[in-house]
Amino acid sequence: MIQIIYGSKGTGKTKIIIDRANAGITEHLGDIVFITDTSRYVHQLKYQIRFTNTKDSNIYSEDGLIGFIQGMTEANYDIRFMYIDGAARMVSKDINDMEAFYKRLEQIATKTEVTFILTVSCDFEFLPAFIKKYIK
């Protein structure tokens, strides 16, 4: 499953995703992974959450990010939630050009028991249709 937290820049999406990840420690079974492109938030996350900074891992493309995600899910079958803060920013693409990325992420979600929660910097009226289907 894929879930989207959306809003324009500065609307608090990162705080929401951090709060959800932290709450997941007590609410859900399984491992939690938090992926972003900065170490700025590492101390805001509970220590039980696996934190990854994509810049430290030299991940700058859609293929690199998808490969990294697949590798993590195949190496650890206990991952149940993966929080991704700013995938479009990580791969330097406009959200409108990321349909293939979301299709591949959906395939991973279907194959595994991982729920992906992503932030998207865009107001609802400007979200592409392929993103809107993930908003609950």
N, C-alpha and C. Protein backbone atom coordinates (compact mmCIF):
# COMPACT_ATOMS: atom_id res chain seq x y z
N MET A 1 0.83 -1.17 0.00
CA MET A 1 0.00 0.00 0.00
C MET A 1 0.89 1.25 0.00
N ILE A 2 0.40 2.26 -0.65
CA ILE A 2 1.09 3.54 -0.70
C ILE A 2 0.14 4.61 -0.15
N GLN A 3 0.68 5.46 0.71
CA GLN A 3 -0.07 6.59 1.26
C GLN A 3 0.72 7.86 0.99
N ILE A 4 0.01 8.95 0.76
CA ILE A 4 0.64 10.22 0.44
C ILE A 4 0.26 11.28 1.47
N ILE A 5 1.28 12.01 1.91
CA ILE A 5 1.08 13.22 2.70
C ILE A 5 1.49 14.36 1.78
N TYR A 6 0.57 15.25 1.47
CA TYR A 6 0.86 16.29 0.48
C TYR A 6 0.62 17.68 1.06
N GLY A 7 1.14 18.64 0.36
CA GLY A 7 0.95 20.05 0.72
C GLY A 7 2.11 20.84 0.16
N SER A 8 1.92 22.14 0.06
CA SER A 8 2.99 22.97 -0.47
C SER A 8 4.15 23.05 0.52
N LYS A 9 5.27 23.53 0.05
CA LYS A 9 6.47 23.64 0.87
C LYS A 9 6.16 24.48 2.12
N GLY A 10 6.59 23.97 3.27
CA GLY A 10 6.42 24.69 4.51
C GLY A 10 5.11 24.44 5.24
N THR A 11 4.34 23.44 4.80
CA THR A 11 3.05 23.16 5.44
C THR A 11 3.12 22.10 6.54
N GLY A 12 4.31 21.60 6.85
CA GLY A 12 4.45 20.66 7.96
C GLY A 12 4.41 19.19 7.61
N LYS A 13 4.64 18.87 6.35
CA LYS A 13 4.60 17.46 5.93
C LYS A 13 5.66 16.62 6.65
N THR A 14 6.86 17.17 6.79
CA THR A 14 7.94 16.41 7.43
C THR A 14 7.61 16.14 8.89
N LYS A 15 7.06 17.10 9.58
CA LYS A 15 6.66 16.88 10.98
C LYS A 15 5.61 15.78 11.07
N ILE A 16 4.65 15.81 10.16
CA ILE A 16 3.61 14.78 10.15
C ILE A 16 4.21 13.40 9.94
N ILE A 17 5.09 13.28 8.95
CA ILE A 17 5.65 11.96 8.64
C ILE A 17 6.56 11.46 9.79
N ILE A 18 7.28 12.37 10.43
CA ILE A 18 8.10 11.99 11.58
C ILE A 18 7.21 11.53 12.74
N ASP A 19 6.15 12.28 13.00
CA ASP A 19 5.23 11.91 14.08
C ASP A 19 4.58 10.55 13.81
N ARG A 20 4.20 10.30 12.57
CA ARG A 20 3.59 9.00 12.22
C ARG A 20 4.60 7.86 12.40
N ALA A 21 5.82 8.09 11.96
CA ALA A 21 6.86 7.06 12.12
C ALA A 21 7.08 6.77 13.59
N ASN A 22 7.22 7.79 14.40
CA ASN A 22 7.44 7.60 15.84
C ASN A 22 6.26 6.90 16.50
N ALA A 23 5.05 7.25 16.12
CA ALA A 23 3.87 6.61 16.69
C ALA A 23 3.79 5.14 16.27
N GLY A 24 4.31 4.83 15.10
CA GLY A 24 4.28 3.46 14.61
C GLY A 24 5.05 2.47 15.45
N ILE A 25 6.01 2.95 16.21
CA ILE A 25 6.81 2.07 17.08
C ILE A 25 5.91 1.33 18.06
N THR A 26 4.94 2.02 18.64
CA THR A 26 4.06 1.38 19.62
C THR A 26 2.77 0.85 19.02
N GLU A 27 2.41 1.33 17.83
CA GLU A 27 1.13 0.95 17.23
C GLU A 27 1.20 -0.28 16.33
N HIS A 28 2.38 -0.59 15.80
CA HIS A 28 2.47 -1.64 14.79
C HIS A 28 3.59 -2.62 15.11
N LEU A 29 3.42 -3.82 14.63
CA LEU A 29 4.50 -4.80 14.69
C LEU A 29 5.36 -4.65 13.44
N GLY A 30 6.60 -5.03 13.53
CA GLY A 30 7.48 -4.98 12.37
C GLY A 30 8.41 -3.79 12.43
N ASP A 31 9.37 -3.80 11.52
CA ASP A 31 10.39 -2.76 11.47
C ASP A 31 9.91 -1.55 10.68
N ILE A 32 10.48 -0.40 11.02
CA ILE A 32 10.14 0.87 10.37
C ILE A 32 11.42 1.48 9.82
N VAL A 33 11.35 1.97 8.59
CA VAL A 33 12.48 2.62 7.93
C VAL A 33 12.05 4.04 7.57
N PHE A 34 12.96 5.00 7.76
CA PHE A 34 12.71 6.39 7.39
C PHE A 34 13.81 6.81 6.43
N ILE A 35 13.42 7.24 5.22
CA ILE A 35 14.38 7.62 4.19
C ILE A 35 14.18 9.09 3.84
N THR A 36 15.26 9.84 3.84
CA THR A 36 15.24 11.24 3.44
C THR A 36 16.60 11.60 2.89
N ASP A 37 16.78 12.86 2.51
CA ASP A 37 18.05 13.26 1.91
C ASP A 37 18.83 14.24 2.79
N THR A 38 18.58 14.19 4.08
CA THR A 38 19.30 15.04 5.03
C THR A 38 19.37 14.33 6.38
N SER A 39 20.37 14.65 7.16
CA SER A 39 20.48 14.08 8.50
C SER A 39 19.84 14.98 9.55
N ARG A 40 19.22 16.05 9.09
CA ARG A 40 18.64 17.04 9.99
C ARG A 40 17.61 16.46 10.96
N TYR A 41 16.91 15.41 10.58
CA TYR A 41 15.82 14.88 11.39
C TYR A 41 16.18 13.63 12.18
N VAL A 42 17.40 13.18 12.10
CA VAL A 42 17.78 11.92 12.72
C VAL A 42 17.49 11.90 14.22
N HIS A 43 17.66 13.00 14.90
CA HIS A 43 17.46 13.04 16.34
C HIS A 43 16.00 13.23 16.73
N GLN A 44 15.14 13.48 15.76
CA GLN A 44 13.71 13.61 16.03
C GLN A 44 13.00 12.26 15.94
N LEU A 45 13.68 11.28 15.39
CA LEU A 45 13.10 9.93 15.24
C LEU A 45 13.52 9.05 16.40
N LYS A 46 12.62 8.18 16.83
CA LYS A 46 12.95 7.23 17.90
C LYS A 46 14.05 6.29 17.41
N TYR A 47 14.86 5.85 18.35
CA TYR A 47 16.03 5.04 18.00
C TYR A 47 15.69 3.72 17.34
N GLN A 48 14.47 3.23 17.51
CA GLN A 48 14.08 1.95 16.92
C GLN A 48 13.86 2.04 15.41
N ILE A 49 13.77 3.25 14.88
CA ILE A 49 13.51 3.45 13.46
C ILE A 49 14.83 3.47 12.71
N ARG A 50 14.91 2.69 11.64
CA ARG A 50 16.11 2.66 10.80
C ARG A 50 16.11 3.90 9.93
N PHE A 51 17.07 4.77 10.14
CA PHE A 51 17.17 6.03 9.41
C PHE A 51 18.20 5.92 8.30
N THR A 52 17.85 6.45 7.12
CA THR A 52 18.78 6.46 6.00
C THR A 52 18.76 7.82 5.32
N ASN A 53 19.95 8.38 5.12
CA ASN A 53 20.13 9.62 4.36
C ASN A 53 20.61 9.21 2.97
N THR A 54 19.81 9.49 1.95
CA THR A 54 20.16 9.05 0.59
C THR A 54 21.43 9.71 0.07
N LYS A 55 21.72 10.92 0.52
CA LYS A 55 22.95 11.57 0.07
C LYS A 55 24.18 10.82 0.58
N ASP A 56 24.11 10.31 1.82
CA ASP A 56 25.22 9.54 2.36
C ASP A 56 25.42 8.24 1.59
N SER A 57 24.35 7.74 0.99
CA SER A 57 24.41 6.49 0.23
C SER A 57 24.56 6.74 -1.27
N ASN A 58 24.74 7.99 -1.67
CA ASN A 58 24.91 8.36 -3.08
C ASN A 58 23.75 7.91 -3.95
N ILE A 59 22.54 8.13 -3.48
CA ILE A 59 21.34 7.79 -4.23
C ILE A 59 20.76 9.08 -4.79
N TYR A 60 20.78 9.22 -6.12
CA TYR A 60 20.34 10.46 -6.76
C TYR A 60 19.38 10.23 -7.93
N SER A 61 19.00 8.99 -8.17
CA SER A 61 18.13 8.70 -9.31
C SER A 61 16.96 7.81 -8.88
N GLU A 62 15.93 7.78 -9.71
CA GLU A 62 14.79 6.91 -9.44
C GLU A 62 15.23 5.45 -9.36
N ASP A 63 16.04 5.03 -10.33
CA ASP A 63 16.51 3.64 -10.33
C ASP A 63 17.32 3.33 -9.07
N GLY A 64 18.15 4.29 -8.66
CA GLY A 64 18.94 4.09 -7.45
C GLY A 64 18.07 3.98 -6.22
N LEU A 65 17.05 4.83 -6.11
CA LEU A 65 16.16 4.80 -4.96
C LEU A 65 15.32 3.54 -4.94
N ILE A 66 14.78 3.16 -6.09
CA ILE A 66 13.98 1.92 -6.16
C ILE A 66 14.86 0.71 -5.84
N GLY A 67 16.06 0.67 -6.38
CA GLY A 67 16.98 -0.44 -6.08
C GLY A 67 17.31 -0.52 -4.61
N PHE A 68 17.52 0.62 -3.99
CA PHE A 68 17.81 0.67 -2.56
C PHE A 68 16.62 0.15 -1.75
N ILE A 69 15.42 0.60 -2.11
CA ILE A 69 14.21 0.15 -1.42
C ILE A 69 14.01 -1.35 -1.60
N GLN A 70 14.18 -1.84 -2.82
CA GLN A 70 14.04 -3.28 -3.06
C GLN A 70 15.06 -4.07 -2.26
N GLY A 71 16.28 -3.59 -2.23
CA GLY A 71 17.32 -4.27 -1.46
C GLY A 71 16.98 -4.34 0.01
N MET A 72 16.46 -3.25 0.55
CA MET A 72 16.09 -3.25 1.97
C MET A 72 14.96 -4.22 2.25
N THR A 73 13.94 -4.24 1.38
CA THR A 73 12.80 -5.12 1.62
C THR A 73 13.16 -6.59 1.42
N GLU A 74 14.10 -6.87 0.54
CA GLU A 74 14.50 -8.25 0.32
C GLU A 74 15.47 -8.74 1.39
N ALA A 75 16.22 -7.82 1.98
CA ALA A 75 17.17 -8.21 3.03
C ALA A 75 16.49 -8.31 4.39
N ASN A 76 15.36 -7.63 4.57
CA ASN A 76 14.70 -7.62 5.86
C ASN A 76 13.20 -7.79 5.65
N TYR A 77 12.72 -9.00 5.83
CA TYR A 77 11.30 -9.30 5.63
C TYR A 77 10.43 -8.76 6.75
N ASP A 78 11.03 -8.22 7.80
CA ASP A 78 10.28 -7.67 8.92
C ASP A 78 9.89 -6.21 8.73
N ILE A 79 10.36 -5.56 7.66
CA ILE A 79 9.99 -4.17 7.41
C ILE A 79 8.50 -4.13 7.07
N ARG A 80 7.75 -3.32 7.81
CA ARG A 80 6.32 -3.18 7.56
C ARG A 80 5.95 -1.77 7.10
N PHE A 81 6.76 -0.78 7.49
CA PHE A 81 6.49 0.60 7.11
C PHE A 81 7.77 1.27 6.64
N MET A 82 7.66 1.97 5.52
CA MET A 82 8.79 2.72 5.00
C MET A 82 8.30 4.14 4.72
N TYR A 83 8.86 5.08 5.46
CA TYR A 83 8.52 6.49 5.33
C TYR A 83 9.57 7.16 4.44
N ILE A 84 9.11 7.83 3.39
CA ILE A 84 10.01 8.46 2.43
C ILE A 84 9.66 9.94 2.35
N ASP A 85 10.56 10.77 2.84
CA ASP A 85 10.31 12.21 2.89
C ASP A 85 10.97 12.89 1.69
N GLY A 86 10.16 13.22 0.69
CA GLY A 86 10.64 13.99 -0.45
C GLY A 86 11.33 13.19 -1.52
N ALA A 87 10.70 12.14 -2.02
CA ALA A 87 11.31 11.31 -3.07
C ALA A 87 11.63 12.13 -4.32
N ALA A 88 10.74 13.03 -4.72
CA ALA A 88 10.99 13.85 -5.91
C ALA A 88 12.23 14.73 -5.72
N ARG A 89 12.38 15.27 -4.54
CA ARG A 89 13.55 16.10 -4.23
C ARG A 89 14.83 15.25 -4.27
N MET A 90 14.74 14.04 -3.74
CA MET A 90 15.92 13.15 -3.70
C MET A 90 16.45 12.85 -5.10
N VAL A 91 15.52 12.67 -6.04
CA VAL A 91 15.93 12.28 -7.39
C VAL A 91 15.90 13.45 -8.37
N SER A 92 15.68 14.65 -7.85
CA SER A 92 15.68 15.89 -8.64
C SER A 92 14.74 15.83 -9.83
N LYS A 93 13.49 15.41 -9.56
CA LYS A 93 12.48 15.35 -10.61
C LYS A 93 11.22 16.06 -10.15
N ASP A 94 10.47 16.54 -11.10
CA ASP A 94 9.15 17.08 -10.83
C ASP A 94 8.22 15.91 -10.56
N ILE A 95 7.29 16.08 -9.62
CA ILE A 95 6.38 14.99 -9.27
C ILE A 95 5.58 14.51 -10.48
N ASN A 96 5.28 15.39 -11.42
CA ASN A 96 4.54 15.00 -12.62
C ASN A 96 5.30 14.03 -13.51
N ASP A 97 6.61 13.94 -13.32
CA ASP A 97 7.45 13.05 -14.13
C ASP A 97 7.82 11.76 -13.40
N MET A 98 7.10 11.44 -12.33
CA MET A 98 7.49 10.29 -11.50
C MET A 98 6.48 9.13 -11.51
N GLU A 99 5.65 9.08 -12.53
CA GLU A 99 4.64 8.01 -12.58
C GLU A 99 5.29 6.62 -12.58
N ALA A 100 6.36 6.45 -13.33
CA ALA A 100 7.03 5.15 -13.39
C ALA A 100 7.58 4.76 -12.01
N PHE A 101 8.11 5.72 -11.28
CA PHE A 101 8.61 5.45 -9.93
C PHE A 101 7.49 4.91 -9.04
N TYR A 102 6.32 5.56 -9.07
CA TYR A 102 5.21 5.13 -8.23
C TYR A 102 4.64 3.78 -8.66
N LYS A 103 4.67 3.49 -9.95
CA LYS A 103 4.24 2.16 -10.41
C LYS A 103 5.18 1.08 -9.88
N ARG A 104 6.47 1.37 -9.92
CA ARG A 104 7.44 0.40 -9.41
C ARG A 104 7.31 0.25 -7.90
N LEU A 105 7.06 1.34 -7.20
CA LEU A 105 6.87 1.28 -5.76
C LEU A 105 5.61 0.48 -5.41
N GLU A 106 4.58 0.65 -6.22
CA GLU A 106 3.35 -0.12 -6.01
C GLU A 106 3.60 -1.62 -6.22
N GLN A 107 4.44 -1.97 -7.18
CA GLN A 107 4.78 -3.38 -7.40
C GLN A 107 5.50 -3.95 -6.18
N ILE A 108 6.41 -3.17 -5.60
CA ILE A 108 7.11 -3.62 -4.40
C ILE A 108 6.13 -3.79 -3.25
N ALA A 109 5.22 -2.84 -3.09
CA ALA A 109 4.23 -2.90 -2.02
C ALA A 109 3.33 -4.12 -2.17
N THR A 110 2.98 -4.45 -3.39
CA THR A 110 2.13 -5.61 -3.65
C THR A 110 2.87 -6.91 -3.34
N LYS A 111 4.13 -6.95 -3.66
CA LYS A 111 4.96 -8.15 -3.48
C LYS A 111 5.32 -8.37 -2.00
N THR A 112 5.42 -7.29 -1.25
CA THR A 112 5.83 -7.38 0.15
C THR A 112 4.67 -6.97 1.04
N GLU A 113 4.91 -6.94 2.33
CA GLU A 113 3.92 -6.46 3.28
C GLU A 113 4.25 -5.05 3.75
N VAL A 114 5.00 -4.32 2.96
CA VAL A 114 5.44 -2.97 3.33
C VAL A 114 4.39 -1.94 2.91
N THR A 115 4.10 -1.03 3.82
CA THR A 115 3.29 0.14 3.51
C THR A 115 4.25 1.31 3.34
N PHE A 116 4.13 1.99 2.21
CA PHE A 116 4.98 3.14 1.93
C PHE A 116 4.19 4.42 2.19
N ILE A 117 4.77 5.32 2.98
CA ILE A 117 4.18 6.61 3.26
C ILE A 117 5.15 7.66 2.74
N LEU A 118 4.71 8.48 1.79
CA LEU A 118 5.59 9.46 1.15
C LEU A 118 5.03 10.86 1.28
N THR A 119 5.94 11.83 1.35
CA THR A 119 5.53 13.23 1.29
C THR A 119 5.68 13.72 -0.15
N VAL A 120 4.75 14.57 -0.54
CA VAL A 120 4.78 15.19 -1.88
C VAL A 120 4.53 16.68 -1.70
N SER A 121 5.45 17.50 -2.17
CA SER A 121 5.32 18.95 -2.06
C SER A 121 4.50 19.50 -3.22
N CYS A 122 3.19 19.50 -3.00
CA CYS A 122 2.28 19.97 -4.05
C CYS A 122 0.89 20.11 -3.43
N ASP A 123 0.18 21.16 -3.79
CA ASP A 123 -1.20 21.31 -3.34
C ASP A 123 -2.09 20.32 -4.10
N PHE A 124 -3.21 19.94 -3.48
CA PHE A 124 -4.07 18.90 -4.03
C PHE A 124 -4.47 19.16 -5.47
N GLU A 125 -4.85 20.38 -5.79
CA GLU A 125 -5.35 20.66 -7.15
C GLU A 125 -4.28 20.49 -8.22
N PHE A 126 -3.02 20.46 -7.83
CA PHE A 126 -1.93 20.31 -8.80
C PHE A 126 -1.31 18.91 -8.79
N LEU A 127 -1.81 18.03 -7.92
CA LEU A 127 -1.29 16.67 -7.88
C LEU A 127 -1.69 15.91 -9.14
N PRO A 128 -0.77 15.15 -9.71
CA PRO A 128 -1.14 14.32 -10.87
C PRO A 128 -2.10 13.21 -10.46
N ALA A 129 -2.89 12.73 -11.38
CA ALA A 129 -3.90 11.70 -11.10
C ALA A 129 -3.26 10.44 -10.52
N PHE A 130 -2.07 10.08 -10.97
CA PHE A 130 -1.45 8.85 -10.46
C PHE A 130 -1.08 8.96 -8.98
N ILE A 131 -0.98 10.17 -8.45
CA ILE A 131 -0.72 10.38 -7.02
C ILE A 131 -2.03 10.42 -6.25
N LYS A 132 -3.03 11.06 -6.81
CA LYS A 132 -4.31 11.21 -6.10
C LYS A 132 -4.94 9.88 -5.71
N LYS A 133 -4.67 8.84 -6.47
CA LYS A 133 -5.27 7.55 -6.14
C LYS A 133 -4.71 6.97 -4.83
N TYR A 134 -3.60 7.49 -4.34
CA TYR A 134 -3.01 7.00 -3.09
C TYR A 134 -3.45 7.81 -1.88
N ILE A 135 -4.25 8.82 -2.08
CA ILE A 135 -4.72 9.66 -0.97
C ILE A 135 -5.99 9.05 -0.42
N LYS A 136 -5.96 8.79 0.85
CA LYS A 136 -7.13 8.16 1.51
C LYS A 136 -7.90 9.19 2.29
